[in-house]
Amino acid sequence: MLRITNISISDRAAEVVDRLWVTFRPQEPGDVFALAYMSSFTEADGSTVDGFTPG
């Protein structure tokens, strides 16, 4: 299993990851906790979704 431990995240993202990590309960062998970086999140008109911040 590959375990990556050298990541950098913002303080805001760290709070979210900490909150979600404690609720993660694998149900099947091979279930994983994965992170995805979103650099943008836009509406159909091209405007940024209200409240979105990168990271």
PDB file of N, CA and C in Angstrom:
ATOM      1  N   MET A   1       0.849  -1.171   0.000  1.00  0.00           N
ATOM      2  CA  MET A   1       0.000   0.000   0.000  1.00  0.00           C
ATOM      3  C   MET A   1       0.891   1.229   0.000  1.00  0.00           C
ATOM      4  N   LEU A   2       0.559   2.215  -0.828  1.00  0.00           N
ATOM      5  CA  LEU A   2       1.270   3.473  -0.890  1.00  0.00           C
ATOM      6  C   LEU A   2       0.658   4.422   0.130  1.00  0.00           C
ATOM      7  N   ARG A   3       1.488   4.959   0.993  1.00  0.00           N
ATOM      8  CA  ARG A   3       1.007   5.921   1.987  1.00  0.00           C
ATOM      9  C   ARG A   3       1.821   7.193   1.829  1.00  0.00           C
ATOM     10  N   ILE A   4       1.156   8.267   1.462  1.00  0.00           N
ATOM     11  CA  ILE A   4       1.828   9.541   1.254  1.00  0.00           C
ATOM     12  C   ILE A   4       1.648  10.387   2.509  1.00  0.00           C
ATOM     13  N   THR A   5       2.743  10.858   3.052  1.00  0.00           N
ATOM     14  CA  THR A   5       2.673  11.627   4.300  1.00  0.00           C
ATOM     15  C   THR A   5       3.273  13.018   4.165  1.00  0.00           C
ATOM     16  N   ASN A   6       3.834  13.331   3.022  1.00  0.00           N
ATOM     17  CA  ASN A   6       4.490  14.630   2.856  1.00  0.00           C
ATOM     18  C   ASN A   6       3.650  15.585   2.016  1.00  0.00           C
ATOM     19  N   ILE A   7       2.464  15.919   2.492  1.00  0.00           N
ATOM     20  CA  ILE A   7       1.597  16.846   1.777  1.00  0.00           C
ATOM     21  C   ILE A   7       1.527  18.153   2.544  1.00  0.00           C
ATOM     22  N   SER A   8       1.217  19.212   1.825  1.00  0.00           N
ATOM     23  CA  SER A   8       1.022  20.522   2.436  1.00  0.00           C
ATOM     24  C   SER A   8      -0.388  20.985   2.094  1.00  0.00           C
ATOM     25  N   ILE A   9      -1.122  21.435   3.093  1.00  0.00           N
ATOM     26  CA  ILE A   9      -2.475  21.946   2.866  1.00  0.00           C
ATOM     27  C   ILE A   9      -2.671  23.204   3.689  1.00  0.00           C
ATOM     28  N   SER A  10      -3.638  23.998   3.292  1.00  0.00           N
ATOM     29  CA  SER A  10      -3.923  25.232   4.018  1.00  0.00           C
ATOM     30  C   SER A  10      -4.522  24.912   5.386  1.00  0.00           C
ATOM     31  N   ASP A  11      -4.497  25.888   6.270  1.00  0.00           N
ATOM     32  CA  ASP A  11      -5.093  25.703   7.594  1.00  0.00           C
ATOM     33  C   ASP A  11      -6.566  25.344   7.481  1.00  0.00           C
ATOM     34  N   ARG A  12      -7.262  26.015   6.562  1.00  0.00           N
ATOM     35  CA  ARG A  12      -8.695  25.739   6.371  1.00  0.00           C
ATOM     36  C   ARG A  12      -8.907  24.297   5.906  1.00  0.00           C
ATOM     37  N   ALA A  13      -8.084  23.848   4.952  1.00  0.00           N
ATOM     38  CA  ALA A  13      -8.205  22.485   4.456  1.00  0.00           C
ATOM     39  C   ALA A  13      -7.857  21.474   5.546  1.00  0.00           C
ATOM     40  N   ALA A  14      -6.874  21.792   6.373  1.00  0.00           N
ATOM     41  CA  ALA A  14      -6.478  20.885   7.456  1.00  0.00           C
ATOM     42  C   ALA A  14      -7.641  20.650   8.423  1.00  0.00           C
ATOM     43  N   GLU A  15      -8.400  21.692   8.704  1.00  0.00           N
ATOM     44  CA  GLU A  15      -9.564  21.542   9.585  1.00  0.00           C
ATOM     45  C   GLU A  15     -10.584  20.585   8.971  1.00  0.00           C
ATOM     46  N   VAL A  16     -10.820  20.721   7.677  1.00  0.00           N
ATOM     47  CA  VAL A  16     -11.783  19.858   6.992  1.00  0.00           C
ATOM     48  C   VAL A  16     -11.284  18.413   6.974  1.00  0.00           C
ATOM     49  N   VAL A  17     -10.004  18.222   6.624  1.00  0.00           N
ATOM     50  CA  VAL A  17      -9.438  16.873   6.579  1.00  0.00           C
ATOM     51  C   VAL A  17      -9.511  16.219   7.957  1.00  0.00           C
ATOM     52  N   ASP A  18      -9.140  16.947   8.996  1.00  0.00           N
ATOM     53  CA  ASP A  18      -9.204  16.395  10.355  1.00  0.00           C
ATOM     54  C   ASP A  18     -10.623  15.966  10.710  1.00  0.00           C
ATOM     55  N   ARG A  19     -11.607  16.805  10.349  1.00  0.00           N
ATOM     56  CA  ARG A  19     -13.000  16.503  10.674  1.00  0.00           C
ATOM     57  C   ARG A  19     -13.481  15.259   9.922  1.00  0.00           C
ATOM     58  N   LEU A  20     -13.116  15.155   8.647  1.00  0.00           N
ATOM     59  CA  LEU A  20     -13.569  14.021   7.841  1.00  0.00           C
ATOM     60  C   LEU A  20     -12.811  12.739   8.154  1.00  0.00           C
ATOM     61  N   TRP A  21     -11.522  12.848   8.487  1.00  0.00           N
ATOM     62  CA  TRP A  21     -10.708  11.663   8.754  1.00  0.00           C
ATOM     63  C   TRP A  21     -11.274  10.854   9.919  1.00  0.00           C
ATOM     64  N   VAL A  22     -11.736  11.513  10.966  1.00  0.00           N
ATOM     65  CA  VAL A  22     -12.244  10.774  12.132  1.00  0.00           C
ATOM     66  C   VAL A  22     -13.558  10.063  11.832  1.00  0.00           C
ATOM     67  N   THR A  23     -14.261  10.482  10.779  1.00  0.00           N
ATOM     68  CA  THR A  23     -15.524   9.822  10.429  1.00  0.00           C
ATOM     69  C   THR A  23     -15.340   8.709   9.399  1.00  0.00           C
ATOM     70  N   PHE A  24     -14.132   8.588   8.833  1.00  0.00           N
ATOM     71  CA  PHE A  24     -13.879   7.595   7.795  1.00  0.00           C
ATOM     72  C   PHE A  24     -13.808   6.202   8.399  1.00  0.00           C
ATOM     73  N   ARG A  25     -14.690   5.331   7.943  1.00  0.00           N
ATOM     74  CA  ARG A  25     -14.728   3.938   8.394  1.00  0.00           C
ATOM     75  C   ARG A  25     -14.787   3.042   7.165  1.00  0.00           C
ATOM     76  N   PRO A  26     -13.650   2.450   6.779  1.00  0.00           N
ATOM     77  CA  PRO A  26     -13.662   1.573   5.600  1.00  0.00           C
ATOM     78  C   PRO A  26     -14.667   0.429   5.781  1.00  0.00           C
ATOM     79  N   GLN A  27     -15.419   0.143   4.742  1.00  0.00           N
ATOM     80  CA  GLN A  27     -16.425  -0.917   4.786  1.00  0.00           C
ATOM     81  C   GLN A  27     -15.954  -2.183   4.079  1.00  0.00           C
ATOM     82  N   GLU A  28     -15.103  -2.011   3.089  1.00  0.00           N
ATOM     83  CA  GLU A  28     -14.616  -3.125   2.284  1.00  0.00           C
ATOM     84  C   GLU A  28     -13.098  -3.084   2.230  1.00  0.00           C
ATOM     85  N   PRO A  29     -12.445  -4.230   2.069  1.00  0.00           N
ATOM     86  CA  PRO A  29     -11.000  -4.215   1.849  1.00  0.00           C
ATOM     87  C   PRO A  29     -10.674  -3.355   0.620  1.00  0.00           C
ATOM     88  N   GLY A  30      -9.711  -2.501   0.757  1.00  0.00           N
ATOM     89  CA  GLY A  30      -9.338  -1.640  -0.356  1.00  0.00           C
ATOM     90  C   GLY A  30      -9.970  -0.270  -0.324  1.00  0.00           C
ATOM     91  N   ASP A  31     -10.935  -0.018   0.570  1.00  0.00           N
ATOM     92  CA  ASP A  31     -11.502   1.320   0.690  1.00  0.00           C
ATOM     93  C   ASP A  31     -10.396   2.280   1.121  1.00  0.00           C
ATOM     94  N   VAL A  32     -10.386   3.471   0.539  1.00  0.00           N
ATOM     95  CA  VAL A  32      -9.323   4.427   0.839  1.00  0.00           C
ATOM     96  C   VAL A  32      -9.894   5.801   1.155  1.00  0.00           C
ATOM     97  N   PHE A  33      -9.118   6.574   1.865  1.00  0.00           N
ATOM     98  CA  PHE A  33      -9.403   7.986   2.115  1.00  0.00           C
ATOM     99  C   PHE A  33      -8.559   8.757   1.121  1.00  0.00           C
ATOM    100  N   ALA A  34      -9.185   9.492   0.224  1.00  0.00           N
ATOM    101  CA  ALA A  34      -8.442  10.181  -0.834  1.00  0.00           C
ATOM    102  C   ALA A  34      -8.680  11.680  -0.772  1.00  0.00           C
ATOM    103  N   LEU A  35      -7.679  12.422  -1.162  1.00  0.00           N
ATOM    104  CA  LEU A  35      -7.767  13.877  -1.226  1.00  0.00           C
ATOM    105  C   LEU A  35      -7.739  14.302  -2.687  1.00  0.00           C
ATOM    106  N   ALA A  36      -8.478  15.339  -3.005  1.00  0.00           N
ATOM    107  CA  ALA A  36      -8.452  15.899  -4.357  1.00  0.00           C
ATOM    108  C   ALA A  36      -8.322  17.406  -4.248  1.00  0.00           C
ATOM    109  N   TYR A  37      -7.459  17.992  -5.049  1.00  0.00           N
ATOM    110  CA  TYR A  37      -7.280  19.439  -5.048  1.00  0.00           C
ATOM    111  C   TYR A  37      -8.157  20.042  -6.128  1.00  0.00           C
ATOM    112  N   MET A  38      -8.930  21.044  -5.762  1.00  0.00           N
ATOM    113  CA  MET A  38      -9.760  21.745  -6.743  1.00  0.00           C
ATOM    114  C   MET A  38      -9.245  23.169  -6.855  1.00  0.00           C
ATOM    115  N   SER A  39      -8.695  23.488  -8.017  1.00  0.00           N
ATOM    116  CA  SER A  39      -8.153  24.830  -8.214  1.00  0.00           C
ATOM    117  C   SER A  39      -9.247  25.831  -8.575  1.00  0.00           C
ATOM    118  N   SER A  40     -10.385  25.326  -9.070  1.00  0.00           N
ATOM    119  CA  SER A  40     -11.501  26.216  -9.394  1.00  0.00           C
ATOM    120  C   SER A  40     -12.811  25.448  -9.323  1.00  0.00           C
ATOM    121  N   PHE A  41     -13.884  26.201  -9.117  1.00  0.00           N
ATOM    122  CA  PHE A  41     -15.225  25.635  -9.069  1.00  0.00           C
ATOM    123  C   PHE A  41     -16.144  26.736  -9.578  1.00  0.00           C
ATOM    124  N   THR A  42     -16.637  26.576 -10.795  1.00  0.00           N
ATOM    125  CA  THR A  42     -17.365  27.668 -11.433  1.00  0.00           C
ATOM    126  C   THR A  42     -18.793  27.285 -11.803  1.00  0.00           C
ATOM    127  N   GLU A  43     -19.603  28.307 -11.865  1.00  0.00           N
ATOM    128  CA  GLU A  43     -20.980  28.179 -12.340  1.00  0.00           C
ATOM    129  C   GLU A  43     -20.960  28.089 -13.872  1.00  0.00           C
ATOM    130  N   ALA A  44     -22.092  27.776 -14.470  1.00  0.00           N
ATOM    131  CA  ALA A  44     -22.190  27.661 -15.928  1.00  0.00           C
ATOM    132  C   ALA A  44     -21.804  28.968 -16.629  1.00  0.00           C
ATOM    133  N   ASP A  45     -22.017  30.104 -15.954  1.00  0.00           N
ATOM    134  CA  ASP A  45     -21.679  31.396 -16.570  1.00  0.00           C
ATOM    135  C   ASP A  45     -20.212  31.776 -16.387  1.00  0.00           C
ATOM    136  N   GLY A  46     -19.433  30.908 -15.738  1.00  0.00           N
ATOM    137  CA  GLY A  46     -18.003  31.172 -15.549  1.00  0.00           C
ATOM    138  C   GLY A  46     -17.651  31.834 -14.232  1.00  0.00           C
ATOM    139  N   SER A  47     -18.656  32.243 -13.460  1.00  0.00           N
ATOM    140  CA  SER A  47     -18.376  32.881 -12.176  1.00  0.00           C
ATOM    141  C   SER A  47     -18.041  31.820 -11.131  1.00  0.00           C
ATOM    142  N   THR A  48     -17.235  32.195 -10.154  1.00  0.00           N
ATOM    143  CA  THR A  48     -16.847  31.273  -9.090  1.00  0.00           C
ATOM    144  C   THR A  48     -18.050  30.969  -8.197  1.00  0.00           C
ATOM    145  N   VAL A  49     -18.201  29.708  -7.832  1.00  0.00           N
ATOM    146  CA  VAL A  49     -19.290  29.293  -6.941  1.00  0.00           C
ATOM    147  C   VAL A  49     -19.138  30.040  -5.616  1.00  0.00           C
ATOM    148  N   ASP A  50     -20.234  30.569  -5.123  1.00  0.00           N
ATOM    149  CA  ASP A  50     -20.243  31.347  -3.888  1.00  0.00           C
ATOM    150  C   ASP A  50     -19.630  30.567  -2.733  1.00  0.00           C
ATOM    151  N   GLY A  51     -18.642  31.147  -2.078  1.00  0.00           N
ATOM    152  CA  GLY A  51     -18.028  30.515  -0.910  1.00  0.00           C
ATOM    153  C   GLY A  51     -16.850  29.618  -1.217  1.00  0.00           C
ATOM    154  N   PHE A  52     -16.557  29.372  -2.512  1.00  0.00           N
ATOM    155  CA  PHE A  52     -15.453  28.476  -2.856  1.00  0.00           C
ATOM    156  C   PHE A  52     -14.120  29.173  -2.702  1.00  0.00           C
ATOM    157  N   THR A  53     -13.175  28.477  -2.089  1.00  0.00           N
ATOM    158  CA  THR A  53     -11.782  28.934  -2.061  1.00  0.00           C
ATOM    159  C   THR A  53     -10.908  27.755  -2.471  1.00  0.00           C
ATOM    160  N   PRO A  54      -9.910  27.991  -3.323  1.00  0.00           N
ATOM    161  CA  PRO A  54      -9.056  26.898  -3.783  1.00  0.00           C
ATOM    162  C   PRO A  54      -8.384  26.169  -2.631  1.00  0.00           C
ATOM    163  N   GLY A  55      -8.146  24.888  -2.837  1.00  0.00           N
ATOM    164  CA  GLY A  55      -7.434  24.092  -1.840  1.00  0.00           C
ATOM    165  C   GLY A  55      -8.351  23.180  -1.140  1.00  0.00           C
TER     166      GLY A  55
END
